[in-house]
Amino acid sequence: MVLGWCCSRGTIGAHVRVVLPRALAVLTVLAIAAVQAGTGSATFTGSTKLAVKGCGTARDPFSAVVAAAGDGTWNATSPGEQFSGTYTTIGPGRRLKLTPDAATLANLTDVVVGGVSSLCRTGGVTVTSIRPQTSMLTLNRKLTRAKLLVRYVFAGTAGGRSGTATLTVRAAGPWTPQ
């Protein structure tokens, strides 16, 4: 709230009483819009890329249905896979930062271990750490389209050699608000 020297001593109180309710109303509308923007679902299509230093890169098509609930949770269903976790809204509510739960991280680790084994043509793959770089669902201004970008770096060993693998998912699709 800005109070300047524009008002005489007697009208400052009146100015505050008028501005404060309007400011609270605007903040309430923005908060409701942010929560509503985050709730909905999308059918995403795109690609995944697994890049392993010293072994190569694998690209595969990706499709999933992702839903964000009003309670701050999300879930995704991809053919043969289930993922879930929580999200927080960033900015005006059109960007959702996705945080996977423990079961989803374990599932992602299994996928990466299988991919690294295949790319490096070796068994004995272990993951020692997982570092998220980004995990974001972004909605357009009209709340009709969504983009998904997920990137994780996995460190570990394959065939006795230590190294890193980067898993990237890029996808887009129509967003249906709920």
C-alpha atoms as a PDB file:
ATOM      1  CA  MET A   1       0.000   0.000   0.000  1.00  0.00           C
ATOM      2  CA  VAL A   2       1.354   3.415  -0.913  1.00  0.00           C
ATOM      3  CA  LEU A   3       0.468   6.462   1.120  1.00  0.00           C
ATOM      4  CA  GLY A   4       1.848   9.658  -0.252  1.00  0.00           C
ATOM      5  CA  TRP A   5       1.570  13.302   0.636  1.00  0.00           C
ATOM      6  CA  CYS A   6      -1.386  13.611  -1.719  1.00  0.00           C
ATOM      7  CA  CYS A   7      -3.966  13.701   0.985  1.00  0.00           C
ATOM      8  CA  SER A   8      -4.672  16.159   3.725  1.00  0.00           C
ATOM      9  CA  ARG A   9      -4.396  14.987   7.293  1.00  0.00           C
ATOM     10  CA  GLY A  10      -8.105  14.228   7.583  1.00  0.00           C
ATOM     11  CA  THR A  11      -8.415  12.165   4.386  1.00  0.00           C
ATOM     12  CA  ILE A  12      -5.517   9.729   4.888  1.00  0.00           C
ATOM     13  CA  GLY A  13      -7.692   7.426   6.999  1.00  0.00           C
ATOM     14  CA  ALA A  14     -10.442   7.459   4.359  1.00  0.00           C
ATOM     15  CA  HIS A  15      -7.896   6.651   1.638  1.00  0.00           C
ATOM     16  CA  VAL A  16      -6.578   3.665   3.617  1.00  0.00           C
ATOM     17  CA  ARG A  17     -10.090   2.340   4.252  1.00  0.00           C
ATOM     18  CA  VAL A  18     -10.880   2.408   0.513  1.00  0.00           C
ATOM     19  CA  VAL A  19      -7.570   1.022  -0.797  1.00  0.00           C
ATOM     20  CA  LEU A  20      -7.125  -1.814   1.712  1.00  0.00           C
ATOM     21  CA  PRO A  21     -10.374  -3.713   0.924  1.00  0.00           C
ATOM     22  CA  ARG A  22      -9.685  -3.421  -2.812  1.00  0.00           C
ATOM     23  CA  ALA A  23      -6.141  -4.745  -2.367  1.00  0.00           C
ATOM     24  CA  LEU A  24      -7.408  -7.683  -0.300  1.00  0.00           C
ATOM     25  CA  ALA A  25     -10.055  -8.463  -2.922  1.00  0.00           C
ATOM     26  CA  VAL A  26      -7.456  -8.473  -5.711  1.00  0.00           C
ATOM     27  CA  LEU A  27      -5.115 -10.735  -3.699  1.00  0.00           C
ATOM     28  CA  THR A  28      -7.972 -13.136  -2.949  1.00  0.00           C
ATOM     29  CA  VAL A  29      -8.935 -13.350  -6.634  1.00  0.00           C
ATOM     30  CA  LEU A  30      -5.296 -13.955  -7.617  1.00  0.00           C
ATOM     31  CA  ALA A  31      -4.910 -16.685  -4.987  1.00  0.00           C
ATOM     32  CA  ILE A  32      -8.086 -18.447  -6.148  1.00  0.00           C
ATOM     33  CA  ALA A  33      -6.973 -18.184  -9.795  1.00  0.00           C
ATOM     34  CA  ALA A  34      -3.562 -19.649  -8.909  1.00  0.00           C
ATOM     35  CA  VAL A  35      -5.126 -22.642  -7.197  1.00  0.00           C
ATOM     36  CA  GLN A  36      -7.632 -23.171  -9.996  1.00  0.00           C
ATOM     37  CA  ALA A  37      -4.949 -22.840 -12.696  1.00  0.00           C
ATOM     38  CA  GLY A  38      -3.037 -25.729 -11.154  1.00  0.00           C
ATOM     39  CA  THR A  39      -5.948 -28.162 -11.066  1.00  0.00           C
ATOM     40  CA  GLY A  40      -6.652 -30.136 -14.197  1.00  0.00           C
ATOM     41  CA  SER A  41      -5.169 -32.765 -16.465  1.00  0.00           C
ATOM     42  CA  ALA A  42      -3.332 -33.135 -19.743  1.00  0.00           C
ATOM     43  CA  THR A  43      -2.540 -35.891 -22.202  1.00  0.00           C
ATOM     44  CA  PHE A  44       1.098 -35.380 -23.054  1.00  0.00           C
ATOM     45  CA  THR A  45       3.032 -36.649 -26.058  1.00  0.00           C
ATOM     46  CA  GLY A  46       6.716 -36.039 -26.561  1.00  0.00           C
ATOM     47  CA  SER A  47      10.039 -37.773 -26.129  1.00  0.00           C
ATOM     48  CA  THR A  48      12.476 -39.054 -23.564  1.00  0.00           C
ATOM     49  CA  LYS A  49      16.229 -38.894 -23.862  1.00  0.00           C
ATOM     50  CA  LEU A  50      18.695 -40.852 -21.770  1.00  0.00           C
ATOM     51  CA  ALA A  51      22.271 -39.637 -22.226  1.00  0.00           C
ATOM     52  CA  VAL A  52      25.074 -41.660 -20.613  1.00  0.00           C
ATOM     53  CA  LYS A  53      28.590 -40.242 -20.724  1.00  0.00           C
ATOM     54  CA  GLY A  54      30.857 -42.643 -22.559  1.00  0.00           C
ATOM     55  CA  CYS A  55      28.037 -44.946 -23.691  1.00  0.00           C
ATOM     56  CA  GLY A  56      25.721 -42.907 -25.901  1.00  0.00           C
ATOM     57  CA  THR A  57      22.171 -41.621 -26.058  1.00  0.00           C
ATOM     58  CA  ALA A  58      18.783 -43.291 -26.396  1.00  0.00           C
ATOM     59  CA  ARG A  59      15.625 -41.466 -27.527  1.00  0.00           C
ATOM     60  CA  ASP A  60      12.134 -42.864 -27.184  1.00  0.00           C
ATOM     61  CA  PRO A  61       8.598 -41.555 -27.650  1.00  0.00           C
ATOM     62  CA  PHE A  62       6.742 -40.555 -24.495  1.00  0.00           C
ATOM     63  CA  SER A  63       3.055 -40.362 -23.685  1.00  0.00           C
ATOM     64  CA  ALA A  64       1.316 -39.899 -20.361  1.00  0.00           C
ATOM     65  CA  VAL A  65      -1.791 -38.529 -18.727  1.00  0.00           C
ATOM     66  CA  VAL A  66      -0.891 -36.136 -15.918  1.00  0.00           C
ATOM     67  CA  ALA A  67      -3.434 -34.796 -13.423  1.00  0.00           C
ATOM     68  CA  ALA A  68      -2.921 -32.096 -10.787  1.00  0.00           C
ATOM     69  CA  ALA A  69      -5.389 -32.023  -7.891  1.00  0.00           C
ATOM     70  CA  GLY A  70      -6.406 -29.019  -5.819  1.00  0.00           C
ATOM     71  CA  ASP A  71      -4.755 -30.515  -2.710  1.00  0.00           C
ATOM     72  CA  GLY A  72      -1.252 -30.066  -4.163  1.00  0.00           C
ATOM     73  CA  THR A  73      -0.759 -33.622  -5.418  1.00  0.00           C
ATOM     74  CA  TRP A  74      -0.172 -34.908  -8.942  1.00  0.00           C
ATOM     75  CA  ASN A  75      -0.203 -38.297 -10.606  1.00  0.00           C
ATOM     76  CA  ALA A  76       0.802 -39.536 -14.017  1.00  0.00           C
ATOM     77  CA  THR A  77       0.000 -42.677 -15.924  1.00  0.00           C
ATOM     78  CA  SER A  78       2.248 -43.754 -18.760  1.00  0.00           C
ATOM     79  CA  PRO A  79       1.893 -47.131 -20.489  1.00  0.00           C
ATOM     80  CA  GLY A  80       2.997 -49.616 -17.829  1.00  0.00           C
ATOM     81  CA  GLU A  81       4.139 -46.952 -15.353  1.00  0.00           C
ATOM     82  CA  GLN A  82       2.641 -44.963 -12.444  1.00  0.00           C
ATOM     83  CA  PHE A  83       4.173 -41.760 -11.083  1.00  0.00           C
ATOM     84  CA  SER A  84       2.962 -39.386  -8.358  1.00  0.00           C
ATOM     85  CA  GLY A  85       4.025 -36.708  -5.907  1.00  0.00           C
ATOM     86  CA  THR A  86       3.293 -33.162  -4.840  1.00  0.00           C
ATOM     87  CA  TYR A  87       3.510 -29.803  -6.592  1.00  0.00           C
ATOM     88  CA  THR A  88       3.936 -26.170  -5.688  1.00  0.00           C
ATOM     89  CA  THR A  89       2.794 -23.275  -7.841  1.00  0.00           C
ATOM     90  CA  ILE A  90       5.332 -20.714  -8.966  1.00  0.00           C
ATOM     91  CA  GLY A  91       4.431 -17.162  -9.876  1.00  0.00           C
ATOM     92  CA  PRO A  92       0.843 -16.514 -10.937  1.00  0.00           C
ATOM     93  CA  GLY A  93       0.021 -20.228 -10.748  1.00  0.00           C
ATOM     94  CA  ARG A  94       0.709 -21.269 -14.341  1.00  0.00           C
ATOM     95  CA  ARG A  95       3.935 -23.079 -13.455  1.00  0.00           C
ATOM     96  CA  LEU A  96       3.805 -26.160 -11.289  1.00  0.00           C
ATOM     97  CA  LYS A  97       7.027 -27.482  -9.790  1.00  0.00           C
ATOM     98  CA  LEU A  98       6.578 -31.244  -9.542  1.00  0.00           C
ATOM     99  CA  THR A  99       8.214 -33.151  -6.686  1.00  0.00           C
ATOM    100  CA  PRO A 100       8.111 -36.948  -7.044  1.00  0.00           C
ATOM    101  CA  ASP A 101       7.409 -39.221  -4.097  1.00  0.00           C
ATOM    102  CA  ALA A 102       9.763 -42.046  -3.005  1.00  0.00           C
ATOM    103  CA  ALA A 103       7.986 -44.690  -5.106  1.00  0.00           C
ATOM    104  CA  THR A 104       8.278 -42.519  -8.229  1.00  0.00           C
ATOM    105  CA  LEU A 105      11.998 -41.914  -7.625  1.00  0.00           C
ATOM    106  CA  ALA A 106      12.495 -45.678  -7.230  1.00  0.00           C
ATOM    107  CA  ASN A 107      10.567 -46.259 -10.478  1.00  0.00           C
ATOM    108  CA  LEU A 108      12.667 -43.650 -12.331  1.00  0.00           C
ATOM    109  CA  THR A 109      15.838 -45.242 -10.958  1.00  0.00           C
ATOM    110  CA  ASP A 110      14.763 -48.657 -12.269  1.00  0.00           C
ATOM    111  CA  VAL A 111      14.084 -47.149 -15.701  1.00  0.00           C
ATOM    112  CA  VAL A 112      17.502 -45.471 -15.763  1.00  0.00           C
ATOM    113  CA  VAL A 113      19.321 -48.609 -14.557  1.00  0.00           C
ATOM    114  CA  GLY A 114      17.740 -50.590 -17.398  1.00  0.00           C
ATOM    115  CA  GLY A 115      18.599 -47.902 -19.943  1.00  0.00           C
ATOM    116  CA  VAL A 116      22.198 -47.561 -18.768  1.00  0.00           C
ATOM    117  CA  SER A 117      22.637 -51.353 -18.837  1.00  0.00           C
ATOM    118  CA  SER A 118      21.419 -51.394 -22.418  1.00  0.00           C
ATOM    119  CA  LEU A 119      23.458 -48.396 -23.620  1.00  0.00           C
ATOM    120  CA  CYS A 120      26.677 -49.453 -21.887  1.00  0.00           C
ATOM    121  CA  ARG A 121      26.112 -53.158 -22.638  1.00  0.00           C
ATOM    122  CA  THR A 122      26.949 -54.128 -19.103  1.00  0.00           C
ATOM    123  CA  GLY A 123      25.315 -55.346 -15.941  1.00  0.00           C
ATOM    124  CA  GLY A 124      26.050 -54.275 -12.433  1.00  0.00           C
ATOM    125  CA  VAL A 125      24.590 -50.775 -12.737  1.00  0.00           C
ATOM    126  CA  THR A 126      24.137 -48.961  -9.436  1.00  0.00           C
ATOM    127  CA  VAL A 127      22.801 -45.469  -8.769  1.00  0.00           C
ATOM    128  CA  THR A 128      24.497 -43.593  -5.920  1.00  0.00           C
ATOM    129  CA  SER A 129      22.723 -40.221  -6.184  1.00  0.00           C
ATOM    130  CA  ILE A 130      19.864 -38.493  -7.967  1.00  0.00           C
ATOM    131  CA  ARG A 131      19.924 -34.748  -8.624  1.00  0.00           C
ATOM    132  CA  PRO A 132      16.828 -33.059 -10.037  1.00  0.00           C
ATOM    133  CA  GLN A 133      17.625 -30.259 -12.467  1.00  0.00           C
ATOM    134  CA  THR A 134      14.032 -29.393 -13.327  1.00  0.00           C
ATOM    135  CA  SER A 135      10.598 -30.918 -13.053  1.00  0.00           C
ATOM    136  CA  MET A 136       8.072 -28.384 -14.308  1.00  0.00           C
ATOM    137  CA  LEU A 137       4.584 -28.363 -15.800  1.00  0.00           C
ATOM    138  CA  THR A 138       3.855 -25.010 -17.466  1.00  0.00           C
ATOM    139  CA  LEU A 139       0.423 -23.780 -18.586  1.00  0.00           C
ATOM    140  CA  ASN A 140      -0.222 -21.189 -21.281  1.00  0.00           C
ATOM    141  CA  ARG A 141      -2.075 -17.966 -20.411  1.00  0.00           C
ATOM    142  CA  LYS A 142      -5.435 -19.255 -21.604  1.00  0.00           C
ATOM    143  CA  LEU A 143      -4.958 -22.473 -19.566  1.00  0.00           C
ATOM    144  CA  THR A 144      -5.597 -24.591 -22.679  1.00  0.00           C
ATOM    145  CA  ARG A 145      -2.110 -26.091 -23.351  1.00  0.00           C
ATOM    146  CA  ALA A 146       0.571 -27.486 -21.095  1.00  0.00           C
ATOM    147  CA  LYS A 147       4.255 -28.330 -21.443  1.00  0.00           C
ATOM    148  CA  LEU A 148       6.165 -30.821 -19.353  1.00  0.00           C
ATOM    149  CA  LEU A 149       9.919 -30.673 -18.819  1.00  0.00           C
ATOM    150  CA  VAL A 150      11.633 -33.145 -16.508  1.00  0.00           C
ATOM    151  CA  ARG A 151      15.405 -33.502 -16.212  1.00  0.00           C
ATOM    152  CA  TYR A 152      17.294 -35.585 -13.644  1.00  0.00           C
ATOM    153  CA  VAL A 153      20.991 -36.411 -13.361  1.00  0.00           C
ATOM    154  CA  PHE A 154      21.830 -39.849 -11.963  1.00  0.00           C
ATOM    155  CA  ALA A 155      25.333 -40.618 -10.701  1.00  0.00           C
ATOM    156  CA  GLY A 156      26.594 -44.142 -10.198  1.00  0.00           C
ATOM    157  CA  THR A 157      28.604 -46.990 -11.657  1.00  0.00           C
ATOM    158  CA  ALA A 158      28.192 -49.247 -14.676  1.00  0.00           C
ATOM    159  CA  GLY A 159      30.546 -52.157 -15.230  1.00  0.00           C
ATOM    160  CA  GLY A 160      32.870 -50.825 -12.533  1.00  0.00           C
ATOM    161  CA  ARG A 161      33.168 -47.349 -14.108  1.00  0.00           C
ATOM    162  CA  SER A 162      31.673 -44.326 -12.390  1.00  0.00           C
ATOM    163  CA  GLY A 163      29.771 -41.733 -14.369  1.00  0.00           C
ATOM    164  CA  THR A 164      26.505 -39.865 -14.859  1.00  0.00           C
ATOM    165  CA  ALA A 165      23.335 -40.336 -16.844  1.00  0.00           C
ATOM    166  CA  THR A 166      20.836 -37.587 -17.674  1.00  0.00           C
ATOM    167  CA  LEU A 167      17.163 -38.412 -18.157  1.00  0.00           C
ATOM    168  CA  THR A 168      15.136 -35.738 -19.972  1.00  0.00           C
ATOM    169  CA  VAL A 169      11.411 -35.796 -20.740  1.00  0.00           C
ATOM    170  CA  ARG A 170       9.871 -33.130 -23.016  1.00  0.00           C
ATOM    171  CA  ALA A 171       6.183 -33.263 -23.823  1.00  0.00           C
ATOM    172  CA  ALA A 172       3.166 -31.067 -24.545  1.00  0.00           C
ATOM    173  CA  GLY A 173      -0.567 -31.484 -24.792  1.00  0.00           C
ATOM    174  CA  PRO A 174      -3.999 -29.942 -24.258  1.00  0.00           C
ATOM    175  CA  TRP A 175      -4.831 -28.897 -20.690  1.00  0.00           C
ATOM    176  CA  THR A 176      -8.299 -29.452 -19.248  1.00  0.00           C
ATOM    177  CA  PRO A 177      -8.903 -27.320 -16.125  1.00  0.00           C
ATOM    178  CA  GLN A 178     -11.090 -28.811 -13.413  1.00  0.00           C
END
